[in-house]
């Protein structure tokens, strides 16, 4: 079990973001890749109603089963417990969970790139992901609160830009703003 501390940032200008990130000498962790995410719950929504999340993430190279506790409500950062493990076959894991009575209640897709930014000689590290989604492009910064603030500031962002919302919440807002009935946040075929 780990404690995850993160924020999302809205990326309006991808090239400017890349230039600002480049000035921080990031180490690339992964090339741009496709991710297909399935969020599960029981029919009575017992996970969702408590702010918990159970997800299967499937990529071309690996699949992961992740459980996240409800986030702490206060402060500018999304902070919560997370347990994650790699699974050999994401679709088989999804089938197993469905057979226990769980259902996929939300599916979302994105293209993701991952970087590590180390600040200072003491090696404070922030994990930076760049997510291209059907509803916009976002960066996620994960690490210690003060380091997240410093990396965000160096890239031209302040706490007023921090987003704690899940991709589901962002998707609902996107659909509501456009008068679209929400379903799943997936790319058009």
C-alpha atoms as a PDB file:
ATOM      1  CA  UNK A   1       0.000   0.000   0.000  1.00  0.00           C
ATOM      2  CA  UNK A   2       1.239   3.469  -0.886  1.00  0.00           C
ATOM      3  CA  UNK A   3      -0.040   6.982  -0.367  1.00  0.00           C
ATOM      4  CA  UNK A   4      -0.619   8.725  -3.684  1.00  0.00           C
ATOM      5  CA  UNK A   5      -0.384  12.527  -3.785  1.00  0.00           C
ATOM      6  CA  UNK A   6      -1.196  14.087  -7.142  1.00  0.00           C
ATOM      7  CA  UNK A   7      -2.839  16.868  -9.113  1.00  0.00           C
ATOM      8  CA  UNK A   8      -3.930  17.242 -12.702  1.00  0.00           C
ATOM      9  CA  UNK A   9      -3.133  20.308 -14.794  1.00  0.00           C
ATOM     10  CA  UNK A  10      -5.118  21.401 -17.853  1.00  0.00           C
ATOM     11  CA  UNK A  11      -2.898  21.588 -20.934  1.00  0.00           C
ATOM     12  CA  UNK A  12      -4.168  24.133 -23.453  1.00  0.00           C
ATOM     13  CA  UNK A  13      -0.912  24.387 -25.436  1.00  0.00           C
ATOM     14  CA  UNK A  14       0.825  21.030 -25.763  1.00  0.00           C
ATOM     15  CA  UNK A  15       3.967  22.421 -27.428  1.00  0.00           C
ATOM     16  CA  UNK A  16       4.420  25.048 -24.698  1.00  0.00           C
ATOM     17  CA  UNK A  17       3.966  22.365 -22.036  1.00  0.00           C
ATOM     18  CA  UNK A  18       6.570  20.153 -23.713  1.00  0.00           C
ATOM     19  CA  UNK A  19       9.005  23.075 -23.927  1.00  0.00           C
ATOM     20  CA  UNK A  20       8.514  23.956 -20.249  1.00  0.00           C
ATOM     21  CA  UNK A  21       8.869  20.313 -19.224  1.00  0.00           C
ATOM     22  CA  UNK A  22      12.014  20.011 -21.358  1.00  0.00           C
ATOM     23  CA  UNK A  23      13.667  22.805 -19.378  1.00  0.00           C
ATOM     24  CA  UNK A  24      13.401  20.586 -16.281  1.00  0.00           C
ATOM     25  CA  UNK A  25      15.553  17.855 -17.909  1.00  0.00           C
ATOM     26  CA  UNK A  26      13.007  15.070 -17.477  1.00  0.00           C
ATOM     27  CA  UNK A  27      13.870  11.410 -17.819  1.00  0.00           C
ATOM     28  CA  UNK A  28      11.419   9.655 -20.110  1.00  0.00           C
ATOM     29  CA  UNK A  29       9.882   6.639 -18.384  1.00  0.00           C
ATOM     30  CA  UNK A  30       7.609   5.566 -21.229  1.00  0.00           C
ATOM     31  CA  UNK A  31       6.928   6.512 -24.805  1.00  0.00           C
ATOM     32  CA  UNK A  32       3.448   7.602 -25.847  1.00  0.00           C
ATOM     33  CA  UNK A  33       1.183   4.569 -25.498  1.00  0.00           C
ATOM     34  CA  UNK A  34      -2.514   3.734 -25.477  1.00  0.00           C
ATOM     35  CA  UNK A  35      -4.316   2.829 -22.247  1.00  0.00           C
ATOM     36  CA  UNK A  36      -7.766   1.301 -21.882  1.00  0.00           C
ATOM     37  CA  UNK A  37      -9.178   1.633 -18.351  1.00  0.00           C
ATOM     38  CA  UNK A  38     -12.153  -0.210 -16.869  1.00  0.00           C
ATOM     39  CA  UNK A  39     -13.597   1.012 -13.555  1.00  0.00           C
ATOM     40  CA  UNK A  40     -15.644  -1.613 -11.705  1.00  0.00           C
ATOM     41  CA  UNK A  41     -18.169  -1.707  -8.904  1.00  0.00           C
ATOM     42  CA  UNK A  42     -20.923  -3.899  -7.533  1.00  0.00           C
ATOM     43  CA  UNK A  43     -24.509  -3.262  -8.726  1.00  0.00           C
ATOM     44  CA  UNK A  44     -25.291  -1.413  -5.474  1.00  0.00           C
ATOM     45  CA  UNK A  45     -22.400   1.030  -6.162  1.00  0.00           C
ATOM     46  CA  UNK A  46     -20.790   0.313  -2.789  1.00  0.00           C
ATOM     47  CA  UNK A  47     -17.334   1.340  -4.038  1.00  0.00           C
ATOM     48  CA  UNK A  48     -18.430   4.549  -5.759  1.00  0.00           C
ATOM     49  CA  UNK A  49     -20.636   5.633  -2.865  1.00  0.00           C
ATOM     50  CA  UNK A  50     -17.563   5.525  -0.596  1.00  0.00           C
ATOM     51  CA  UNK A  51     -15.283   7.298  -3.077  1.00  0.00           C
ATOM     52  CA  UNK A  52     -13.295   4.129  -3.763  1.00  0.00           C
ATOM     53  CA  UNK A  53     -12.066   2.933  -7.135  1.00  0.00           C
ATOM     54  CA  UNK A  54     -11.209  -0.488  -8.561  1.00  0.00           C
ATOM     55  CA  UNK A  55      -9.660  -0.343 -12.008  1.00  0.00           C
ATOM     56  CA  UNK A  56      -8.155  -2.622 -14.610  1.00  0.00           C
ATOM     57  CA  UNK A  57      -5.726  -0.749 -16.868  1.00  0.00           C
ATOM     58  CA  UNK A  58      -4.717  -2.490 -20.082  1.00  0.00           C
ATOM     59  CA  UNK A  59      -1.800  -1.293 -22.210  1.00  0.00           C
ATOM     60  CA  UNK A  60       0.063  -2.951 -25.045  1.00  0.00           C
ATOM     61  CA  UNK A  61       2.853  -4.016 -22.706  1.00  0.00           C
ATOM     62  CA  UNK A  62       1.192  -4.692 -19.361  1.00  0.00           C
ATOM     63  CA  UNK A  63      -2.032  -4.707 -17.372  1.00  0.00           C
ATOM     64  CA  UNK A  64      -2.601  -3.459 -13.831  1.00  0.00           C
ATOM     65  CA  UNK A  65      -5.229  -3.989 -11.158  1.00  0.00           C
ATOM     66  CA  UNK A  66      -5.533  -0.909  -8.931  1.00  0.00           C
ATOM     67  CA  UNK A  67      -7.547  -0.136  -5.808  1.00  0.00           C
ATOM     68  CA  UNK A  68      -7.777   3.452  -4.566  1.00  0.00           C
ATOM     69  CA  UNK A  69      -9.302   4.583  -1.286  1.00  0.00           C
ATOM     70  CA  UNK A  70     -11.390   7.740  -1.049  1.00  0.00           C
ATOM     71  CA  UNK A  71      -9.313  10.907  -1.347  1.00  0.00           C
ATOM     72  CA  UNK A  72      -8.876  13.274   1.557  1.00  0.00           C
ATOM     73  CA  UNK A  73     -11.360  16.116   1.015  1.00  0.00           C
ATOM     74  CA  UNK A  74      -9.263  19.090   2.072  1.00  0.00           C
ATOM     75  CA  UNK A  75      -6.352  20.835   0.397  1.00  0.00           C
ATOM     76  CA  UNK A  76      -5.276  21.395  -3.198  1.00  0.00           C
ATOM     77  CA  UNK A  77      -3.867  17.878  -3.639  1.00  0.00           C
ATOM     78  CA  UNK A  78      -5.613  14.573  -4.231  1.00  0.00           C
ATOM     79  CA  UNK A  79      -4.225  12.321  -1.497  1.00  0.00           C
ATOM     80  CA  UNK A  80      -5.284   8.707  -1.027  1.00  0.00           C
ATOM     81  CA  UNK A  81      -4.116   5.178  -0.427  1.00  0.00           C
ATOM     82  CA  UNK A  82      -3.400   3.105  -3.505  1.00  0.00           C
ATOM     83  CA  UNK A  83      -2.655  -0.584  -3.986  1.00  0.00           C
ATOM     84  CA  UNK A  84      -1.591  -1.705  -7.442  1.00  0.00           C
ATOM     85  CA  UNK A  85      -0.299  -4.926  -8.934  1.00  0.00           C
ATOM     86  CA  UNK A  86       0.570  -6.027 -12.421  1.00  0.00           C
ATOM     87  CA  UNK A  87      -1.602  -8.794 -13.848  1.00  0.00           C
ATOM     88  CA  UNK A  88      -0.584 -11.058 -16.691  1.00  0.00           C
ATOM     89  CA  UNK A  89      -3.858 -10.824 -18.621  1.00  0.00           C
ATOM     90  CA  UNK A  90      -6.018  -7.747 -18.065  1.00  0.00           C
ATOM     91  CA  UNK A  91      -9.009  -9.090 -19.979  1.00  0.00           C
ATOM     92  CA  UNK A  92      -8.949 -12.323 -17.963  1.00  0.00           C
ATOM     93  CA  UNK A  93      -8.764 -10.311 -14.717  1.00  0.00           C
ATOM     94  CA  UNK A  94     -11.708  -8.237 -15.939  1.00  0.00           C
ATOM     95  CA  UNK A  95     -13.659 -11.431 -16.660  1.00  0.00           C
ATOM     96  CA  UNK A  96     -12.894 -12.799 -13.181  1.00  0.00           C
ATOM     97  CA  UNK A  97     -14.127  -9.619 -11.509  1.00  0.00           C
ATOM     98  CA  UNK A  98     -17.294  -9.617 -13.626  1.00  0.00           C
ATOM     99  CA  UNK A  99     -17.973 -13.204 -12.560  1.00  0.00           C
ATOM    100  CA  UNK A 100     -17.859 -12.104  -8.908  1.00  0.00           C
ATOM    101  CA  UNK A 101     -20.769  -9.775  -9.622  1.00  0.00           C
ATOM    102  CA  UNK A 102     -18.836  -6.615 -10.380  1.00  0.00           C
ATOM    103  CA  UNK A 103     -19.716  -4.493 -13.400  1.00  0.00           C
ATOM    104  CA  UNK A 104     -17.806  -2.012 -15.522  1.00  0.00           C
ATOM    105  CA  UNK A 105     -19.557   1.274 -14.785  1.00  0.00           C
ATOM    106  CA  UNK A 106     -17.055   3.533 -16.548  1.00  0.00           C
ATOM    107  CA  UNK A 107     -14.488   2.973 -19.250  1.00  0.00           C
ATOM    108  CA  UNK A 108     -11.973   5.594 -20.294  1.00  0.00           C
ATOM    109  CA  UNK A 109      -9.129   5.708 -22.764  1.00  0.00           C
ATOM    110  CA  UNK A 110      -6.080   7.882 -23.138  1.00  0.00           C
ATOM    111  CA  UNK A 111      -2.688   8.146 -24.731  1.00  0.00           C
ATOM    112  CA  UNK A 112      -0.047   8.548 -22.035  1.00  0.00           C
ATOM    113  CA  UNK A 113       3.610   9.526 -21.832  1.00  0.00           C
ATOM    114  CA  UNK A 114       5.515   9.320 -18.549  1.00  0.00           C
ATOM    115  CA  UNK A 115       8.493  11.275 -17.241  1.00  0.00           C
ATOM    116  CA  UNK A 116      10.472  11.694 -14.048  1.00  0.00           C
ATOM    117  CA  UNK A 117      11.665  15.129 -12.946  1.00  0.00           C
ATOM    118  CA  UNK A 118      14.336  15.320 -10.248  1.00  0.00           C
ATOM    119  CA  UNK A 119      14.718  18.633  -8.441  1.00  0.00           C
ATOM    120  CA  UNK A 120      17.944  19.564  -6.740  1.00  0.00           C
ATOM    121  CA  UNK A 121      20.915  17.529  -5.647  1.00  0.00           C
ATOM    122  CA  UNK A 122      18.913  15.787  -2.933  1.00  0.00           C
ATOM    123  CA  UNK A 123      16.877  14.064  -5.596  1.00  0.00           C
ATOM    124  CA  UNK A 124      13.312  15.061  -4.895  1.00  0.00           C
ATOM    125  CA  UNK A 125      11.355  13.363  -7.672  1.00  0.00           C
ATOM    126  CA  UNK A 126       8.026  14.149  -9.327  1.00  0.00           C
ATOM    127  CA  UNK A 127       6.371  11.673 -11.674  1.00  0.00           C
ATOM    128  CA  UNK A 128       4.877  13.589 -14.620  1.00  0.00           C
ATOM    129  CA  UNK A 129       2.391  12.015 -16.991  1.00  0.00           C
ATOM    130  CA  UNK A 130       0.958  13.592 -20.097  1.00  0.00           C
ATOM    131  CA  UNK A 131      -2.527  12.256 -20.863  1.00  0.00           C
ATOM    132  CA  UNK A 132      -4.300  12.907 -24.155  1.00  0.00           C
ATOM    133  CA  UNK A 133      -7.969  12.045 -23.581  1.00  0.00           C
ATOM    134  CA  UNK A 134     -11.159  12.394 -25.625  1.00  0.00           C
ATOM    135  CA  UNK A 135     -12.057  15.441 -23.466  1.00  0.00           C
ATOM    136  CA  UNK A 136      -8.719  17.256 -23.487  1.00  0.00           C
ATOM    137  CA  UNK A 137      -5.079  16.983 -22.576  1.00  0.00           C
ATOM    138  CA  UNK A 138      -3.943  16.920 -18.958  1.00  0.00           C
ATOM    139  CA  UNK A 139      -0.705  16.493 -17.061  1.00  0.00           C
ATOM    140  CA  UNK A 140      -0.617  14.618 -13.785  1.00  0.00           C
ATOM    141  CA  UNK A 141       2.062  15.454 -11.244  1.00  0.00           C
ATOM    142  CA  UNK A 142       2.656  12.892  -8.510  1.00  0.00           C
ATOM    143  CA  UNK A 143       5.090  13.139  -5.628  1.00  0.00           C
ATOM    144  CA  UNK A 144       5.534  15.118  -2.433  1.00  0.00           C
ATOM    145  CA  UNK A 145       3.343  18.203  -2.129  1.00  0.00           C
ATOM    146  CA  UNK A 146       6.148  20.778  -2.074  1.00  0.00           C
ATOM    147  CA  UNK A 147       7.892  19.154  -5.037  1.00  0.00           C
ATOM    148  CA  UNK A 148       4.650  19.100  -7.030  1.00  0.00           C
ATOM    149  CA  UNK A 149       4.235  22.835  -6.313  1.00  0.00           C
ATOM    150  CA  UNK A 150       7.799  23.559  -7.437  1.00  0.00           C
ATOM    151  CA  UNK A 151       7.521  21.573 -10.672  1.00  0.00           C
ATOM    152  CA  UNK A 152       4.149  23.158 -11.452  1.00  0.00           C
ATOM    153  CA  UNK A 153       5.541  26.660 -10.851  1.00  0.00           C
ATOM    154  CA  UNK A 154       8.582  25.985 -13.033  1.00  0.00           C
ATOM    155  CA  UNK A 155       6.173  25.052 -15.833  1.00  0.00           C
ATOM    156  CA  UNK A 156       4.055  28.188 -15.384  1.00  0.00           C
ATOM    157  CA  UNK A 157       1.231  26.793 -13.231  1.00  0.00           C
ATOM    158  CA  UNK A 158      -0.002  27.818  -9.791  1.00  0.00           C
ATOM    159  CA  UNK A 159      -2.264  26.080  -7.270  1.00  0.00           C
ATOM    160  CA  UNK A 160      -5.225  27.793  -8.921  1.00  0.00           C
ATOM    161  CA  UNK A 161      -4.654  25.475 -11.913  1.00  0.00           C
ATOM    162  CA  UNK A 162      -4.618  22.286  -9.804  1.00  0.00           C
ATOM    163  CA  UNK A 163      -7.419  19.811 -10.542  1.00  0.00           C
ATOM    164  CA  UNK A 164      -8.330  17.094  -8.038  1.00  0.00           C
ATOM    165  CA  UNK A 165     -11.202  15.729 -10.131  1.00  0.00           C
ATOM    166  CA  UNK A 166     -11.168  12.221 -11.568  1.00  0.00           C
ATOM    167  CA  UNK A 167     -11.370  11.632 -15.303  1.00  0.00           C
ATOM    168  CA  UNK A 168     -14.973  10.565 -14.717  1.00  0.00           C
ATOM    169  CA  UNK A 169     -15.817  13.948 -13.167  1.00  0.00           C
ATOM    170  CA  UNK A 170     -14.030  15.794 -15.975  1.00  0.00           C
ATOM    171  CA  UNK A 171     -15.930  13.707 -18.512  1.00  0.00           C
ATOM    172  CA  UNK A 172     -19.295  14.472 -16.868  1.00  0.00           C
ATOM    173  CA  UNK A 173     -18.504  18.194 -16.920  1.00  0.00           C
ATOM    174  CA  UNK A 174     -17.437  17.971 -20.582  1.00  0.00           C
ATOM    175  CA  UNK A 175     -20.682  16.204 -21.531  1.00  0.00           C
ATOM    176  CA  UNK A 176     -22.805  18.606 -19.477  1.00  0.00           C
ATOM    177  CA  UNK A 177     -21.206  21.641 -21.129  1.00  0.00           C
ATOM    178  CA  UNK A 178     -22.078  20.225 -24.553  1.00  0.00           C
ATOM    179  CA  UNK A 179     -25.475  18.727 -23.818  1.00  0.00           C
ATOM    180  CA  UNK A 180     -24.164  15.225 -24.507  1.00  0.00           C
ATOM    181  CA  UNK A 181     -25.487  12.170 -22.675  1.00  0.00           C
ATOM    182  CA  UNK A 182     -22.489  10.606 -20.853  1.00  0.00           C
ATOM    183  CA  UNK A 183     -21.517   7.012 -21.497  1.00  0.00           C
ATOM    184  CA  UNK A 184     -17.836   6.075 -21.602  1.00  0.00           C
ATOM    185  CA  UNK A 185     -14.854   8.357 -22.279  1.00  0.00           C
ATOM    186  CA  UNK A 186     -13.456   6.565 -25.306  1.00  0.00           C
ATOM    187  CA  UNK A 187     -12.037   7.684 -28.620  1.00  0.00           C
ATOM    188  CA  UNK A 188     -14.360   7.514 -31.618  1.00  0.00           C
ATOM    189  CA  UNK A 189     -13.794   4.424 -33.745  1.00  0.00           C
END
